[in-house]
Amino acid sequence: MQACHGPSGSTSLDRDFTYKISSGRELGINAYVQVLNLLNARNINGVYRATGNPDDDGYLNSALGLNFTEQQNSPASFTEYYAMKLWDPTNWQLPRRIRLGVRVNF
């Protein structure tokens, strides 16, 4: 279903802070911040072959899809539910993520 892949790439920011404390034994404390997808861009991972879009497979706009939609009790509801079925979160990269951490070496 998802045969094509669109452009990929994301912006990330990594920053480490290292502090060494000497009091008889050496103690190393490393605090870090890692921000993935810094700009919170909606980068596309996969698209549908017929349309090249990550959220539309083209069925509802085809002759068969238009005919089937008209036969439903509520065409508007059918269209909304079909759109929900198509929404695949794996077609997009993950949103912005921020990781904070501390490492202690002794």
Protein backbone atom coordinates (compact mmCIF):
# COMPACT_ATOMS: atom_id res chain seq x y z
CA MET A 1 0.00 0.00 0.00
CA GLN A 2 2.83 2.38 0.75
CA ALA A 3 5.23 1.83 -2.08
CA CYS A 4 6.83 5.26 -2.42
CA HIS A 5 8.84 7.23 0.06
CA GLY A 6 8.96 11.00 0.20
CA PRO A 7 11.78 13.22 1.36
CA SER A 8 13.26 12.44 4.71
CA GLY A 9 15.34 14.38 7.15
CA SER A 10 14.93 16.05 10.46
CA THR A 11 16.75 18.60 12.54
CA SER A 12 18.14 17.53 15.87
CA LEU A 13 20.18 19.18 18.58
CA ASP A 14 22.53 17.34 20.95
CA ARG A 15 24.28 19.01 23.84
CA ASP A 16 26.42 17.45 26.60
CA PHE A 17 27.66 19.11 29.78
CA THR A 18 30.41 17.31 31.71
CA TYR A 19 31.52 18.22 35.21
CA LYS A 20 34.36 16.45 37.03
CA ILE A 21 34.58 16.66 40.79
CA SER A 22 37.80 15.58 42.51
CA SER A 23 37.57 14.74 46.20
CA GLY A 24 39.97 11.89 46.74
CA ARG A 25 38.27 9.86 44.03
CA GLU A 26 37.37 11.22 40.66
CA LEU A 27 33.65 11.59 40.14
CA GLY A 28 32.31 12.41 36.70
CA ILE A 29 28.82 13.80 36.21
CA ASN A 30 27.53 14.14 32.70
CA ALA A 31 24.21 15.90 32.11
CA TYR A 32 22.79 15.91 28.62
CA VAL A 33 19.91 17.32 26.61
CA GLN A 34 18.90 15.80 23.30
CA VAL A 35 16.18 17.38 21.15
CA LEU A 36 14.96 15.33 18.19
CA ASN A 37 12.95 16.97 15.40
CA LEU A 38 13.84 20.37 16.80
CA LEU A 39 11.53 22.32 14.46
CA ASN A 40 8.62 19.88 15.01
CA ALA A 41 8.30 19.43 11.24
CA ARG A 42 5.80 16.96 9.77
CA ASN A 43 8.36 14.99 7.77
CA ILE A 44 6.82 12.33 5.55
CA ASN A 45 8.01 8.71 5.78
CA GLY A 46 5.61 7.04 3.34
CA VAL A 47 2.93 7.88 0.80
CA TYR A 48 0.16 6.05 -1.03
CA ARG A 49 1.14 4.99 -4.55
CA ALA A 50 -1.96 6.29 -6.36
CA THR A 51 -1.81 9.86 -5.05
CA GLY A 52 1.64 10.42 -3.60
CA ASN A 53 0.00 11.78 -0.44
CA PRO A 54 0.51 10.40 3.08
CA ASP A 55 -3.19 10.73 3.99
CA ASP A 56 -5.15 9.99 0.78
CA ASP A 57 -5.16 6.79 -1.28
CA GLY A 58 -7.43 8.22 -4.00
CA TYR A 59 -10.31 5.75 -3.52
CA LEU A 60 -12.95 8.32 -2.53
CA ASN A 61 -12.25 10.36 -5.68
CA SER A 62 -12.37 7.37 -8.04
CA ALA A 63 -15.52 6.44 -9.93
CA LEU A 64 -15.95 3.29 -7.82
CA GLY A 65 -15.41 5.22 -4.59
CA LEU A 66 -17.85 8.00 -5.53
CA ASN A 67 -20.53 5.45 -6.43
CA PHE A 68 -20.00 3.47 -3.21
CA THR A 69 -20.06 6.64 -1.08
CA GLU A 70 -23.40 7.73 -2.59
CA GLN A 71 -24.95 4.36 -1.67
CA GLN A 72 -24.23 4.79 2.04
CA ASN A 73 -26.88 5.89 4.57
CA SER A 74 -24.74 8.89 5.48
CA PRO A 75 -22.14 9.72 2.82
CA ALA A 76 -20.56 12.40 5.03
CA SER A 77 -20.05 9.95 7.90
CA PHE A 78 -18.67 7.32 5.55
CA THR A 79 -16.18 9.83 4.15
CA GLU A 80 -15.03 10.84 7.65
CA TYR A 81 -14.64 7.24 8.82
CA TYR A 82 -12.74 6.33 5.65
CA ALA A 83 -10.39 9.28 6.23
CA MET A 84 -9.78 8.04 9.79
CA LYS A 85 -8.98 4.58 8.41
CA LEU A 86 -6.40 6.07 6.07
CA TRP A 87 -4.63 8.11 8.74
CA ASP A 88 -1.53 6.03 9.39
CA PRO A 89 0.83 7.55 11.96
CA THR A 90 3.78 5.65 10.49
CA ASN A 91 3.52 7.84 7.37
CA TRP A 92 5.05 10.70 9.37
CA GLN A 93 8.14 10.97 11.51
CA LEU A 94 7.70 11.36 15.24
CA PRO A 95 7.04 14.85 16.63
CA ARG A 96 9.54 16.81 18.69
CA ARG A 97 11.09 14.79 21.51
CA ILE A 98 13.27 16.12 24.31
CA ARG A 99 15.47 13.77 26.30
CA LEU A 100 17.15 14.84 29.51
CA GLY A 101 19.60 12.64 31.33
CA VAL A 102 22.40 12.40 33.85
CA ARG A 103 25.30 9.94 33.91
CA VAL A 104 27.45 9.49 36.99
CA ASN A 105 30.84 7.79 36.69
CA PHE A 106 32.79 6.87 39.82
